[in-house]
N, C-alpha and C. Protein backbone atom coordinates (compact mmCIF):
# COMPACT_ATOMS: atom_id res chain seq x y z
N MET A 1 -132.61 -101.18 -12.60
CA MET A 1 -133.93 -100.74 -12.98
C MET A 1 -134.20 -101.24 -14.39
N ASP A 2 -135.36 -101.82 -14.58
CA ASP A 2 -135.77 -102.30 -15.90
C ASP A 2 -136.86 -101.36 -16.41
N THR A 3 -136.76 -100.98 -17.67
CA THR A 3 -137.75 -100.08 -18.25
C THR A 3 -138.40 -100.70 -19.48
N CYS A 4 -139.58 -100.20 -19.79
CA CYS A 4 -140.31 -100.63 -20.98
C CYS A 4 -140.32 -99.46 -21.97
N ALA A 5 -139.70 -99.66 -23.10
CA ALA A 5 -139.65 -98.61 -24.11
C ALA A 5 -141.03 -98.32 -24.70
N TYR A 6 -141.91 -99.30 -24.67
CA TYR A 6 -143.24 -99.14 -25.25
C TYR A 6 -144.13 -98.23 -24.40
N CYS A 7 -144.18 -98.49 -23.08
CA CYS A 7 -145.10 -97.72 -22.22
C CYS A 7 -144.38 -96.77 -21.27
N ASP A 8 -143.06 -96.75 -21.30
CA ASP A 8 -142.26 -95.85 -20.48
C ASP A 8 -142.44 -96.09 -18.98
N SER A 9 -142.74 -97.32 -18.59
CA SER A 9 -142.85 -97.68 -17.18
C SER A 9 -141.52 -98.27 -16.71
N ALA A 10 -141.42 -98.49 -15.39
CA ALA A 10 -140.18 -99.01 -14.85
C ALA A 10 -140.45 -100.01 -13.73
N TRP A 11 -139.60 -101.02 -13.66
CA TRP A 11 -139.63 -102.00 -12.58
C TRP A 11 -138.34 -101.84 -11.78
N LEU A 12 -138.49 -101.69 -10.48
CA LEU A 12 -137.33 -101.54 -9.61
C LEU A 12 -137.35 -102.64 -8.55
N ASP A 13 -136.25 -103.36 -8.44
CA ASP A 13 -136.11 -104.36 -7.39
C ASP A 13 -135.98 -103.63 -6.05
N ALA A 14 -136.16 -104.38 -4.96
CA ALA A 14 -136.04 -103.80 -3.62
C ALA A 14 -134.70 -103.08 -3.49
N GLY A 15 -134.74 -101.84 -3.01
CA GLY A 15 -133.55 -101.05 -2.78
C GLY A 15 -133.11 -100.18 -3.95
N GLU A 16 -133.59 -100.46 -5.14
CA GLU A 16 -133.16 -99.67 -6.31
C GLU A 16 -133.73 -98.25 -6.29
N LEU A 17 -134.96 -98.08 -5.84
CA LEU A 17 -135.53 -96.74 -5.78
C LEU A 17 -134.77 -95.90 -4.74
N ARG A 18 -134.45 -96.51 -3.61
CA ARG A 18 -133.68 -95.82 -2.57
C ARG A 18 -132.33 -95.35 -3.13
N ALA A 19 -131.69 -96.17 -3.93
CA ALA A 19 -130.40 -95.80 -4.53
C ALA A 19 -130.55 -94.63 -5.49
N LEU A 20 -131.69 -94.52 -6.16
CA LEU A 20 -131.91 -93.43 -7.10
C LEU A 20 -132.25 -92.11 -6.42
N HIS A 21 -133.09 -92.17 -5.38
CA HIS A 21 -133.54 -90.91 -4.78
C HIS A 21 -132.77 -90.52 -3.51
N HIS A 22 -131.90 -91.36 -3.01
CA HIS A 22 -131.02 -91.05 -1.88
C HIS A 22 -131.75 -90.74 -0.58
N LEU A 23 -132.90 -91.36 -0.35
CA LEU A 23 -133.56 -91.28 0.95
C LEU A 23 -133.26 -92.57 1.70
N ALA A 24 -133.68 -92.67 2.95
CA ALA A 24 -133.33 -93.81 3.79
C ALA A 24 -133.97 -95.12 3.34
N THR A 25 -135.17 -95.04 2.76
CA THR A 25 -135.90 -96.25 2.34
C THR A 25 -136.48 -96.02 0.95
N ASP A 26 -136.90 -97.12 0.30
CA ASP A 26 -137.52 -97.01 -1.02
C ASP A 26 -138.72 -96.07 -1.00
N LEU A 27 -139.59 -96.26 0.00
CA LEU A 27 -140.81 -95.48 0.12
C LEU A 27 -140.78 -94.68 1.41
N VAL A 28 -141.34 -93.49 1.40
CA VAL A 28 -141.40 -92.67 2.60
C VAL A 28 -142.36 -93.34 3.58
N ASP A 29 -141.89 -93.54 4.81
CA ASP A 29 -142.70 -94.19 5.83
C ASP A 29 -143.88 -93.33 6.24
N GLY A 30 -144.94 -93.98 6.65
CA GLY A 30 -146.10 -93.26 7.13
C GLY A 30 -147.32 -94.16 7.17
N LEU A 31 -148.23 -93.84 8.04
CA LEU A 31 -149.47 -94.60 8.14
C LEU A 31 -150.50 -94.03 7.19
N GLY A 32 -151.40 -94.86 6.74
CA GLY A 32 -152.49 -94.41 5.90
C GLY A 32 -152.10 -94.09 4.47
N LEU A 33 -151.00 -94.64 3.99
CA LEU A 33 -150.58 -94.37 2.62
C LEU A 33 -151.11 -95.41 1.64
N GLU A 34 -151.79 -96.43 2.16
CA GLU A 34 -152.40 -97.41 1.28
C GLU A 34 -153.57 -96.76 0.56
N THR A 35 -153.81 -97.18 -0.66
CA THR A 35 -154.91 -96.60 -1.42
C THR A 35 -155.46 -97.64 -2.38
N HIS A 36 -156.56 -97.30 -3.00
CA HIS A 36 -157.18 -98.15 -4.01
C HIS A 36 -156.93 -97.54 -5.38
N ASP A 37 -156.45 -98.34 -6.30
CA ASP A 37 -156.22 -97.86 -7.66
C ASP A 37 -157.43 -98.26 -8.50
N PRO A 38 -158.19 -97.30 -9.02
CA PRO A 38 -159.38 -97.64 -9.81
C PRO A 38 -159.07 -98.43 -11.08
N ARG A 39 -157.81 -98.40 -11.51
CA ARG A 39 -157.43 -99.18 -12.69
C ARG A 39 -157.28 -100.65 -12.38
N GLY A 40 -157.31 -101.01 -11.10
CA GLY A 40 -157.18 -102.40 -10.70
C GLY A 40 -155.78 -102.71 -10.19
N THR A 41 -155.56 -103.96 -9.88
CA THR A 41 -154.27 -104.39 -9.37
C THR A 41 -153.55 -105.23 -10.42
N ILE A 42 -152.25 -105.33 -10.26
CA ILE A 42 -151.44 -106.11 -11.19
C ILE A 42 -150.63 -107.14 -10.41
N LYS A 43 -150.20 -108.17 -11.12
CA LYS A 43 -149.34 -109.16 -10.51
C LYS A 43 -147.89 -108.71 -10.65
N CYS A 44 -147.12 -109.05 -9.64
CA CYS A 44 -145.70 -108.73 -9.65
C CYS A 44 -145.01 -109.43 -10.82
N PRO A 45 -144.26 -108.70 -11.63
CA PRO A 45 -143.57 -109.34 -12.75
C PRO A 45 -142.44 -110.26 -12.31
N SER A 46 -142.05 -110.16 -11.05
CA SER A 46 -140.96 -110.99 -10.55
C SER A 46 -141.44 -112.28 -9.90
N CYS A 47 -142.48 -112.18 -9.05
CA CYS A 47 -142.91 -113.37 -8.31
C CYS A 47 -144.40 -113.69 -8.43
N ALA A 48 -145.13 -112.94 -9.22
CA ALA A 48 -146.55 -113.18 -9.55
C ALA A 48 -147.53 -113.00 -8.38
N VAL A 49 -147.11 -112.40 -7.29
CA VAL A 49 -148.00 -112.07 -6.18
C VAL A 49 -148.76 -110.80 -6.55
N MET A 50 -150.01 -110.67 -6.10
CA MET A 50 -150.76 -109.44 -6.37
C MET A 50 -150.09 -108.28 -5.65
N MET A 51 -149.85 -107.22 -6.39
CA MET A 51 -149.17 -106.06 -5.83
C MET A 51 -150.15 -105.17 -5.07
N GLN A 52 -149.62 -104.42 -4.12
CA GLN A 52 -150.42 -103.49 -3.33
C GLN A 52 -150.18 -102.07 -3.85
N THR A 53 -151.22 -101.24 -3.80
CA THR A 53 -151.07 -99.86 -4.22
C THR A 53 -150.98 -98.98 -2.98
N ARG A 54 -150.11 -97.99 -3.07
CA ARG A 54 -149.94 -97.03 -1.99
C ARG A 54 -149.32 -95.76 -2.56
N TYR A 55 -149.42 -94.71 -1.79
CA TYR A 55 -148.76 -93.47 -2.17
C TYR A 55 -147.27 -93.59 -1.86
N PHE A 56 -146.44 -92.93 -2.67
CA PHE A 56 -145.01 -92.92 -2.39
C PHE A 56 -144.73 -92.26 -1.04
N SER A 57 -145.46 -91.18 -0.74
CA SER A 57 -145.24 -90.44 0.51
C SER A 57 -146.53 -89.77 0.93
N ASP A 58 -146.46 -89.07 2.05
CA ASP A 58 -147.63 -88.36 2.56
C ASP A 58 -148.02 -87.17 1.69
N ALA A 59 -147.19 -86.80 0.73
CA ALA A 59 -147.56 -85.73 -0.21
C ALA A 59 -148.66 -86.21 -1.16
N ARG A 60 -148.80 -87.52 -1.32
CA ARG A 60 -149.88 -88.16 -2.11
C ARG A 60 -149.91 -87.70 -3.56
N ARG A 61 -148.74 -87.55 -4.16
CA ARG A 61 -148.66 -87.15 -5.57
C ARG A 61 -148.51 -88.34 -6.51
N VAL A 62 -147.98 -89.45 -5.99
CA VAL A 62 -147.72 -90.61 -6.84
C VAL A 62 -148.25 -91.87 -6.17
N VAL A 63 -149.07 -92.62 -6.91
CA VAL A 63 -149.52 -93.93 -6.47
C VAL A 63 -148.63 -94.96 -7.13
N ILE A 64 -148.00 -95.80 -6.32
CA ILE A 64 -147.11 -96.83 -6.86
C ILE A 64 -147.70 -98.21 -6.58
N ASP A 65 -147.21 -99.19 -7.30
CA ASP A 65 -147.56 -100.59 -7.05
C ASP A 65 -146.33 -101.24 -6.43
N ARG A 66 -146.52 -101.90 -5.27
CA ARG A 66 -145.41 -102.52 -4.56
C ARG A 66 -145.76 -103.96 -4.23
N CYS A 67 -144.81 -104.85 -4.45
CA CYS A 67 -145.02 -106.26 -4.16
C CYS A 67 -144.79 -106.51 -2.66
N PRO A 68 -145.77 -107.11 -1.97
CA PRO A 68 -145.60 -107.37 -0.55
C PRO A 68 -144.61 -108.51 -0.28
N GLN A 69 -144.29 -109.29 -1.30
CA GLN A 69 -143.38 -110.42 -1.10
C GLN A 69 -141.92 -110.05 -1.38
N CYS A 70 -141.63 -109.52 -2.56
CA CYS A 70 -140.23 -109.24 -2.93
C CYS A 70 -139.87 -107.76 -2.79
N ALA A 71 -140.84 -106.90 -2.47
CA ALA A 71 -140.66 -105.46 -2.27
C ALA A 71 -140.27 -104.72 -3.55
N GLY A 72 -140.50 -105.34 -4.72
CA GLY A 72 -140.28 -104.66 -5.98
C GLY A 72 -141.33 -103.58 -6.19
N ILE A 73 -141.00 -102.59 -7.00
CA ILE A 73 -141.89 -101.44 -7.22
C ILE A 73 -142.09 -101.23 -8.71
N TRP A 74 -143.36 -101.07 -9.11
CA TRP A 74 -143.72 -100.77 -10.49
C TRP A 74 -144.11 -99.31 -10.57
N LEU A 75 -143.47 -98.57 -11.47
CA LEU A 75 -143.80 -97.15 -11.67
C LEU A 75 -144.30 -96.95 -13.09
N ASP A 76 -145.42 -96.28 -13.21
CA ASP A 76 -145.97 -95.94 -14.52
C ASP A 76 -145.20 -94.76 -15.10
N SER A 77 -145.46 -94.48 -16.34
CA SER A 77 -144.79 -93.39 -17.05
C SER A 77 -144.87 -92.07 -16.28
N GLY A 78 -143.73 -91.42 -16.10
CA GLY A 78 -143.68 -90.12 -15.46
C GLY A 78 -143.59 -90.14 -13.95
N GLU A 79 -143.89 -91.26 -13.32
CA GLU A 79 -143.91 -91.30 -11.86
C GLU A 79 -142.50 -91.19 -11.25
N LEU A 80 -141.50 -91.77 -11.90
CA LEU A 80 -140.15 -91.70 -11.36
C LEU A 80 -139.67 -90.25 -11.29
N LYS A 81 -139.97 -89.47 -12.28
CA LYS A 81 -139.56 -88.06 -12.29
C LYS A 81 -140.19 -87.31 -11.11
N ILE A 82 -141.46 -87.54 -10.86
CA ILE A 82 -142.15 -86.89 -9.74
C ILE A 82 -141.52 -87.31 -8.41
N ILE A 83 -141.23 -88.61 -8.26
CA ILE A 83 -140.62 -89.13 -7.04
C ILE A 83 -139.24 -88.52 -6.82
N LEU A 84 -138.43 -88.44 -7.88
CA LEU A 84 -137.09 -87.88 -7.74
C LEU A 84 -137.15 -86.40 -7.36
N ASN A 85 -138.09 -85.66 -7.94
CA ASN A 85 -138.26 -84.24 -7.57
C ASN A 85 -138.68 -84.09 -6.11
N GLU A 86 -139.63 -84.92 -5.69
CA GLU A 86 -140.09 -84.86 -4.30
C GLU A 86 -138.97 -85.24 -3.33
N ALA A 87 -138.21 -86.27 -3.67
CA ALA A 87 -137.11 -86.70 -2.80
C ALA A 87 -136.05 -85.61 -2.69
N PHE A 88 -135.76 -84.93 -3.79
CA PHE A 88 -134.80 -83.84 -3.77
C PHE A 88 -135.28 -82.73 -2.82
N GLN A 89 -136.55 -82.40 -2.90
CA GLN A 89 -137.11 -81.37 -2.02
C GLN A 89 -137.01 -81.79 -0.56
N ARG A 90 -137.29 -83.07 -0.27
CA ARG A 90 -137.19 -83.57 1.11
C ARG A 90 -135.75 -83.50 1.62
N ARG A 91 -134.80 -83.87 0.78
CA ARG A 91 -133.40 -83.85 1.21
C ARG A 91 -132.90 -82.42 1.45
N THR A 92 -133.32 -81.49 0.63
CA THR A 92 -132.81 -80.12 0.75
C THR A 92 -133.53 -79.32 1.83
N GLN A 93 -134.72 -79.77 2.24
CA GLN A 93 -135.46 -79.06 3.29
C GLN A 93 -135.13 -79.57 4.68
N GLY A 94 -134.35 -80.61 4.76
CA GLY A 94 -133.96 -81.10 6.08
C GLY A 94 -134.44 -82.44 6.29
């Protein structure tokens, strides 16, 4: 995981988020989790493809940016903490 000390954001390569939150996949599967980010879209810092925005899960608490090519994930400040808390709740509830 790469972090930015200036803005407190994080870049995770494919599989790194899964290793942190201990769920089966980086993102919780589900239909209709794509969304529009009013702040706009960003290019992937790894391969320069335009990233897609979607919710981490059906709880719709965190909007993440994910690269459709390399599957890297960009998290803004504070989003990783929310994801880890949600993943913990999912694991402990069954």
